[in-house]
Protein backbone atom coordinates (compact mmCIF):
# COMPACT_ATOMS: atom_id res chain seq x y z
CA MET A 1 26.81 -18.98 20.96
CA LYS A 2 28.50 -16.10 22.58
CA TYR A 3 26.67 -12.16 22.81
CA LYS A 4 27.01 -9.48 24.91
CA LYS A 5 23.75 -8.75 27.36
CA LEU A 6 20.92 -6.35 26.21
CA THR A 7 20.93 -2.99 28.87
CA GLU A 8 17.79 -2.29 30.82
CA GLN A 9 17.10 0.50 28.32
CA GLN A 10 16.96 -1.87 25.21
CA LEU A 11 15.67 -4.46 27.29
CA ILE A 12 12.23 -1.34 27.67
CA ILE A 13 13.50 -0.33 24.45
CA SER A 14 12.29 -3.79 22.26
CA ILE A 15 8.69 -4.86 24.14
CA ASP A 16 8.05 -1.28 23.31
CA ARG A 17 8.29 -1.75 20.04
CA LEU A 18 7.31 -4.85 19.61
CA THR A 19 3.16 -4.32 21.62
CA ARG A 20 2.82 -1.20 19.62
CA PHE A 21 0.81 -0.19 16.58
CA LYS A 22 2.77 -1.79 14.16
CA ALA A 23 2.10 -4.39 10.97
CA THR A 24 3.26 -7.47 13.39
CA GLU A 25 5.47 -8.60 10.89
CA ASP A 26 7.03 -5.33 10.46
CA LYS A 27 7.70 -4.64 14.46
CA TYR A 28 8.96 -8.48 15.17
CA LEU A 29 11.81 -8.55 12.17
CA ARG A 30 13.16 -5.17 13.55
CA VAL A 31 12.97 -6.10 17.47
CA PHE A 32 14.76 -9.33 16.69
CA LYS A 33 16.73 -7.68 13.87
CA ASP A 34 18.24 -5.31 16.30
CA ILE A 35 18.54 -7.44 19.33
CA ILE A 36 20.84 -9.62 16.94
CA LEU A 37 22.89 -7.17 14.76
CA SER A 38 24.24 -4.81 18.30
CA ASN A 39 24.85 -7.74 20.65
CA LEU A 40 25.51 -11.00 19.00
CA ILE A 41 29.29 -11.33 19.17
CA SER A 42 29.69 -15.37 17.58
CA PRO A 43 28.92 -16.49 15.56
CA SER A 44 28.73 -13.51 13.62
CA ILE A 45 25.79 -13.32 11.05
CA LYS A 46 25.32 -9.33 8.77
CA LYS A 47 22.13 -8.30 8.25
CA THR A 48 21.78 -9.66 4.93
CA GLU A 49 21.56 -12.86 6.21
CA LEU A 50 19.32 -12.29 8.81
CA ASN A 51 17.18 -11.02 6.39
CA SER A 52 17.13 -14.15 4.92
CA MET A 53 17.10 -16.28 7.76
CA ASP A 54 14.35 -18.81 8.80
CA TYR A 55 11.48 -17.40 11.33
CA ASN A 56 12.14 -19.69 13.87
CA GLU A 57 16.14 -19.44 14.01
CA LEU A 58 15.53 -15.85 14.21
CA THR A 59 12.69 -16.02 16.81
CA GLU A 60 15.13 -18.43 18.80
CA LEU A 61 18.84 -16.49 18.72
CA ALA A 62 16.66 -13.14 19.84
CA GLN A 63 15.08 -14.97 22.49
CA THR A 64 18.35 -16.96 24.15
CA ILE A 65 19.74 -13.06 23.75
CA PHE A 66 16.71 -11.47 25.55
CA ASN A 67 16.33 -13.76 28.76
CA SER A 68 19.66 -14.13 29.48
CA SER A 69 19.93 -11.15 29.65
CA LEU A 70 17.70 -10.66 32.52
CA PRO A 71 18.24 -10.82 36.40
CA ASP A 72 15.27 -13.87 36.37
CA SER A 73 13.09 -15.83 34.39
CA ASP A 74 10.35 -17.60 35.95
CA GLY A 75 9.55 -19.39 32.79
CA ASP A 76 5.44 -17.91 33.02
CA TYR A 77 4.57 -16.63 29.29
CA THR A 78 0.44 -16.40 30.16
CA ILE A 79 1.65 -12.36 28.60
CA ASN A 80 3.25 -13.81 25.27
CA LEU A 81 0.17 -15.82 24.94
CA ARG A 82 -2.65 -12.60 25.61
CA LEU A 83 -0.20 -10.95 23.34
CA LYS A 84 -0.82 -13.08 20.53
CA GLU A 85 -4.11 -13.06 20.56
CA ALA A 86 -4.13 -9.16 20.71
CA GLU A 87 -2.27 -8.81 17.73
CA ASN A 88 -4.02 -11.59 16.05
CA LEU A 89 -7.40 -9.91 16.40
CA VAL A 90 -5.99 -6.55 15.33
CA PHE A 91 -3.96 -7.78 12.46
CA CYS A 92 -4.13 -9.98 9.75
CA ASN A 93 -0.60 -12.32 9.83
CA SER A 94 0.25 -15.26 7.63
CA ASP A 95 1.75 -19.13 9.23
CA LYS A 96 4.66 -17.61 9.28
CA VAL A 97 3.84 -14.43 11.18
CA GLN A 98 2.60 -16.64 13.60
CA VAL A 99 6.24 -18.38 14.61
CA LEU A 100 7.53 -14.55 15.30
CA LEU A 101 3.77 -14.55 17.73
CA GLU A 102 5.48 -18.30 18.98
CA ASN A 103 7.80 -16.51 20.96
CA LYS A 104 8.84 -17.30 24.79
CA LEU A 105 10.21 -13.86 25.07
CA ASN A 106 10.35 -12.96 29.01
CA TYR A 107 8.23 -9.86 28.94
CA LYS A 108 6.77 -10.64 32.85
CA SER A 109 10.87 -9.87 33.79
CA ALA A 110 11.28 -7.72 31.22
CA LEU A 111 8.95 -5.15 32.88
CA LYS A 112 9.55 -5.28 36.47
CA LEU A 113 13.05 -3.12 35.31
CA ARG A 114 10.43 -0.20 34.36
CA LYS A 115 12.26 2.48 36.54
CA PHE A 116 11.13 5.22 34.52
CA SER A 117 7.05 6.53 32.81
CA HIS A 118 6.11 4.35 30.28
CA PRO A 119 4.17 4.35 27.85
CA ILE A 120 0.14 2.97 27.65
CA ASN A 121 1.48 0.52 25.23
CA LEU A 122 3.82 -1.20 28.30
CA ARG A 123 1.11 -0.27 31.07
CA TRP A 124 -1.30 -2.10 28.32
CA LEU A 125 1.06 -5.15 28.32
CA SER A 126 1.70 -5.59 32.60
CA LEU A 127 -2.10 -6.06 32.69
CA ILE A 128 -3.03 -8.54 29.85
CA SER A 129 -2.02 -12.03 32.02
CA LYS A 130 -5.00 -10.89 33.82
CA ASN A 131 -8.48 -13.38 33.23
CA LEU A 132 -10.66 -11.16 31.82
CA PRO A 133 -11.33 -10.97 28.22
CA LEU A 134 -8.95 -7.93 25.99
CA GLU A 135 -11.86 -5.51 25.71
CA ALA A 136 -12.70 -5.73 29.21
CA ILE A 137 -8.93 -4.73 30.34
CA ARG A 138 -9.02 -1.55 27.69
CA ASP A 139 -12.63 -0.91 29.03
CA LYS A 140 -11.75 -1.09 32.62
CA TYR A 141 -8.14 0.47 32.81
CA SER A 142 -8.45 2.67 30.13
CA THR A 143 -5.24 1.09 27.93
CA ARG A 144 -6.54 1.54 24.56
CA PHE A 145 -5.28 -1.16 23.21
CA PRO A 146 -6.37 -3.87 21.77
CA ILE A 147 -7.05 -1.22 19.10
CA SER A 148 -10.30 -1.21 17.53
CA LYS A 149 -10.59 1.16 15.15
CA VAL A 150 -8.50 3.84 13.25
CA ILE A 151 -10.03 7.18 12.52
CA LEU A 152 -7.01 7.72 9.05
CA ALA A 153 -7.38 11.58 9.16
CA GLU A 154 -5.21 14.20 7.05
CA GLY A 155 -2.70 16.30 9.08
CA ILE A 156 -1.79 16.93 12.83
CA THR A 157 -4.92 18.59 14.18
CA GLU A 158 -7.43 15.89 13.90
CA GLU A 159 -4.40 13.19 15.98
CA ILE A 160 -4.19 16.44 18.75
CA LEU A 161 -7.94 17.39 18.49
CA LEU A 162 -9.97 14.29 18.03
CA PRO A 163 -8.89 12.43 21.56
CA LYS A 164 -10.37 15.61 23.12
CA PHE A 165 -13.46 15.75 21.58
CA GLY A 166 -13.82 12.23 22.16
CA ARG A 167 -13.53 13.09 26.15
CA LEU A 168 -15.95 15.92 25.69
CA LEU A 169 -18.31 13.82 23.97
CA ASP A 170 -18.11 10.75 26.66
CA TYR A 171 -16.37 8.42 23.63
CA ASP A 172 -13.00 7.76 25.19
CA PHE A 173 -10.78 6.79 22.78
CA ASP A 174 -8.50 4.98 25.31
CA LYS A 175 -11.56 3.10 26.32
CA ASN A 176 -12.70 2.37 23.09
CA GLY A 177 -9.63 1.46 21.28
CA ILE A 178 -9.22 4.06 18.83
CA TRP A 179 -5.80 4.85 17.32
CA VAL A 180 -5.53 8.54 15.19
CA ILE A 181 -3.08 8.60 12.33
CA GLY A 182 -2.27 12.04 10.80
CA ALA A 183 -1.61 10.76 7.22
CA GLY A 184 0.44 14.21 6.08
CA GLY A 185 -2.12 15.30 3.15
CA LYS A 186 -5.07 13.78 1.32
CA ASN A 187 -2.58 12.29 -1.19
CA GLN A 188 -0.98 10.16 1.71
CA VAL A 189 -4.05 9.30 3.26
CA VAL A 190 -4.99 7.45 0.27
CA LYS A 191 -1.58 6.09 -0.33
CA THR A 192 -1.86 5.08 3.63
CA TYR A 193 -5.13 3.45 3.17
CA TYR A 194 -4.18 0.87 0.54
CA LYS A 195 -1.47 0.10 3.29
CA LEU A 196 -3.13 0.00 5.83
CA ILE A 197 -7.00 -2.53 4.50
CA GLU A 198 -3.22 -5.03 3.67
CA GLU A 199 -2.89 -5.55 7.24
CA LEU A 200 -5.66 -4.56 9.24
CA LYS A 201 -8.57 -6.50 10.50
CA ILE A 202 -10.06 -4.01 11.61
CA PRO A 203 -12.58 -1.13 10.39
CA ILE A 204 -11.09 2.56 9.39
CA PHE A 205 -12.91 5.60 9.62
CA ILE A 206 -11.43 7.76 6.94
CA LEU A 207 -11.95 12.00 7.50
CA LEU A 208 -10.96 14.14 4.36
CA ASP A 209 -11.78 17.88 4.17
CA ASN A 210 -14.11 19.23 1.57
CA ASP A 211 -11.41 19.33 -1.27
CA ALA A 212 -10.35 15.88 -1.50
CA SER A 213 -13.20 14.25 -3.20
CA ALA A 214 -10.93 13.50 -6.08
CA ASN A 215 -9.49 11.31 -3.06
CA ARG A 216 -12.37 9.77 -1.97
CA ALA A 217 -13.16 8.15 -5.51
CA GLN A 218 -9.67 6.81 -5.42
CA ILE A 219 -10.76 5.18 -2.18
CA GLU A 220 -14.21 4.33 -2.66
CA PRO A 221 -12.94 0.85 -4.72
CA LYS A 222 -11.59 -0.29 -2.28
CA LEU A 223 -13.37 0.05 0.67
CA ARG A 224 -13.93 -2.71 2.76
CA PRO A 225 -17.49 -3.18 3.97
CA ILE A 226 -16.36 -2.35 7.88
CA ASP A 227 -15.11 0.95 6.97
CA LYS A 228 -15.71 4.30 6.07
CA ILE A 229 -15.24 7.72 4.21
CA HIS A 230 -16.61 11.44 6.20
CA LEU A 231 -16.23 14.16 3.75
CA ILE A 232 -16.04 17.74 5.89
CA SER A 233 -18.41 19.18 4.61
CA SER A 234 -17.48 22.57 5.30
CA GLY A 235 -13.98 22.76 4.25
CA GLU A 236 -10.99 21.73 5.77
CA PHE A 237 -11.15 20.12 10.27
CA GLU A 238 -10.11 24.02 11.22
CA ASP A 239 -13.69 24.79 9.92
CA LEU A 240 -15.27 22.68 11.99
CA LEU A 241 -13.89 24.74 15.22
CA PRO A 242 -16.68 26.55 16.89
CA GLN A 243 -15.41 31.10 16.55
CA SER A 244 -16.66 31.28 20.29
CA LEU A 245 -14.02 28.29 20.20
CA ILE A 246 -11.14 30.09 18.02
CA LEU A 247 -11.50 33.19 20.00
CA LYS A 248 -11.23 31.74 23.16
CA THR A 249 -7.84 30.23 21.97
CA ILE A 250 -6.53 33.45 20.49
CA ASN A 251 -7.31 35.84 23.42
CA TYR A 252 -5.54 33.75 25.85
CA GLU A 253 -2.42 33.27 23.47
CA LEU A 254 -3.08 37.68 23.38
CA LYS A 255 -4.57 37.87 27.31
CA ASN A 256 -0.91 39.86 27.80
CA PHE A 257 -1.33 42.90 25.07
CA ALA A 258 -4.59 42.40 23.05
CA THR A 259 -7.71 41.23 21.77
CA ILE A 260 -9.95 40.39 19.41
CA THR A 261 -13.55 40.32 18.47
CA ASN A 262 -16.02 38.28 15.45
CA THR A 263 -15.21 41.57 13.75
CA GLU A 264 -11.78 40.49 12.99
CA PHE A 265 -12.44 37.78 10.93
CA ASN A 266 -13.40 37.50 7.37
CA PRO A 267 -16.86 34.88 6.95
CA GLU A 268 -15.39 34.90 3.16
CA LEU A 269 -12.23 33.19 4.06
CA PRO A 270 -11.78 29.62 5.74
CA ALA A 271 -10.84 29.08 8.99
CA VAL A 272 -6.87 28.92 8.79
CA ALA A 273 -6.59 31.87 5.67
CA ASN A 274 -8.62 33.96 9.18
CA LEU A 275 -5.74 32.54 11.15
CA ILE A 276 -2.64 33.45 9.21
CA GLU A 277 -3.79 36.85 8.51
CA ILE A 278 -4.62 37.07 12.13
CA PHE A 279 -1.39 36.31 13.38
CA ARG A 280 0.40 38.43 11.41
CA LEU A 281 -1.27 41.64 11.82
CA LYS A 282 -1.49 40.85 15.81
CA GLY A 283 2.28 40.10 15.79
CA LEU A 284 2.66 36.33 17.00
CA HIS A 285 4.57 33.95 15.78
CA GLU A 286 4.29 31.87 12.79
CA PHE A 287 0.55 30.68 12.69
CA LYS A 288 1.35 26.51 12.75
CA LYS A 289 -1.47 24.04 12.24
CA ALA A 290 0.14 22.02 14.98
CA ASP A 291 0.93 24.57 17.29
CA PHE A 292 -2.58 25.74 17.54
CA ALA A 293 -4.26 22.66 17.59
CA GLN A 294 -2.47 22.26 20.84
CA LYS A 295 -3.27 25.28 22.44
CA VAL A 296 -7.52 25.15 20.89
CA GLU A 297 -6.96 21.67 23.36
CA GLU A 298 -5.89 23.53 26.48
CA ASN A 299 -8.80 25.40 25.76
CA LEU A 300 -11.82 23.09 25.17
CA PHE A 301 -13.79 22.62 28.46
CA ASP A 302 -17.21 22.02 27.43
CA ASP A 303 -20.33 20.94 25.20
CA SER A 304 -20.24 24.70 23.91
CA ASP A 305 -17.03 24.01 22.17
CA ILE A 306 -17.67 21.25 20.32
CA SER A 307 -19.45 22.36 16.24
CA ASP A 308 -22.73 20.11 14.63
CA GLU A 309 -20.06 18.32 12.35
CA ILE A 310 -17.75 17.06 15.15
CA ARG A 311 -20.87 15.65 16.77
CA LEU A 312 -21.96 13.86 13.60
CA ILE A 313 -18.55 12.59 12.85
CA PHE A 314 -18.48 10.90 16.51
CA ASN A 315 -21.69 9.78 15.94
CA GLU A 316 -20.79 8.08 12.60
CA LEU A 317 -17.74 7.03 13.55
CA SER A 318 -19.19 5.07 16.95
CA GLY A 319 -21.36 3.53 14.60
CA ASN A 320 -24.82 4.42 16.33
CA ASN A 321 -27.12 7.25 15.99
CA CYS A 322 -26.09 7.52 19.86
CA LEU A 323 -23.59 6.48 22.04
CA TYR A 324 -25.27 5.46 24.65
CA SER A 325 -26.97 1.66 24.98
CA ALA A 326 -29.86 0.25 25.53
CA HIS A 327 -28.80 -0.31 29.57
CA ASN A 328 -27.35 2.41 29.52
CA ASN A 329 -29.74 5.81 28.45
CA PRO A 330 -31.35 4.78 25.79
CA LYS A 331 -33.02 8.45 25.68
CA GLN A 332 -30.04 10.72 25.64
CA PRO A 333 -29.32 11.63 22.06
CA PHE A 334 -25.72 11.71 21.27
CA TYR A 335 -26.59 15.25 19.56
CA LYS A 336 -29.08 17.46 18.69
CA LEU A 337 -29.69 18.50 15.53
CA SER A 338 -28.90 22.26 14.21
CA LYS A 339 -31.12 23.24 12.24
CA ILE A 340 -29.59 22.46 9.50
CA ASP A 341 -29.26 18.25 9.95
CA ARG A 342 -32.65 18.68 10.34
């Protein structure tokens, strides 16, 4: 067999892709095939041949090229065993996929090559050889992995803001293993949920805008006992933001030349419609949800920036009426009910 060595960048990219939150079989096949196609010189193997190759042979080829590209190899495969444990904890993996997981890639040596900022999954990978339960490593080092629960929402606003709201409410997504997926619309939420329940063992919390009742009806027949749906009562996610927070965010944008007040909001319109109109009247750039969500995140500071329904969502997400365990502070509630909630 003749092959060229992987570059340091290729090695790091490979272990990064192997540890992302993605179905085990999909990511392993992608990485192993990429290694072989990019670096194997002879025998020449076509992509179509790789697609039908036995998983044992595929794994052997990829790990030979990978390990031979490293400057040293100490034969320590503790990381591989912990990684297999983590993948099987989160994903529904067949016996066939176990073959991919039982590889002998030298992760320990590859991690020594890091010379640049690395994502949270690689930081986690460097820690899992420690003699601690995986969840204890996540809690101690805030690694987010292994993922314990998925929030499936409609868009980018939820992806950006939910982790920040969680930190303000003492529910750190990195410590609790929470992964947010913005599906790109209510119809995509349904499609994504159907796919995820075939792949995941862990709970899925589905967050839908108020106009998605029909989509909820599509999900409910397939809803697993461990999953939950929350239909936002007030409209879409932006309608959950307190008006004071929206004002603070816009005025921060306008601080050099104008301000707005409560009187400029039309109470008959949803938040996004109001924002589109205010942006137009004030001569700002076109209103975009993602950009605005990032600005809101920068202006989120304390408990007063959190509405009652956001608090309720986090209570449901945590699976408890409060996020404090009995040994922590059993008397402190996660949030105080408003008159409406009462």
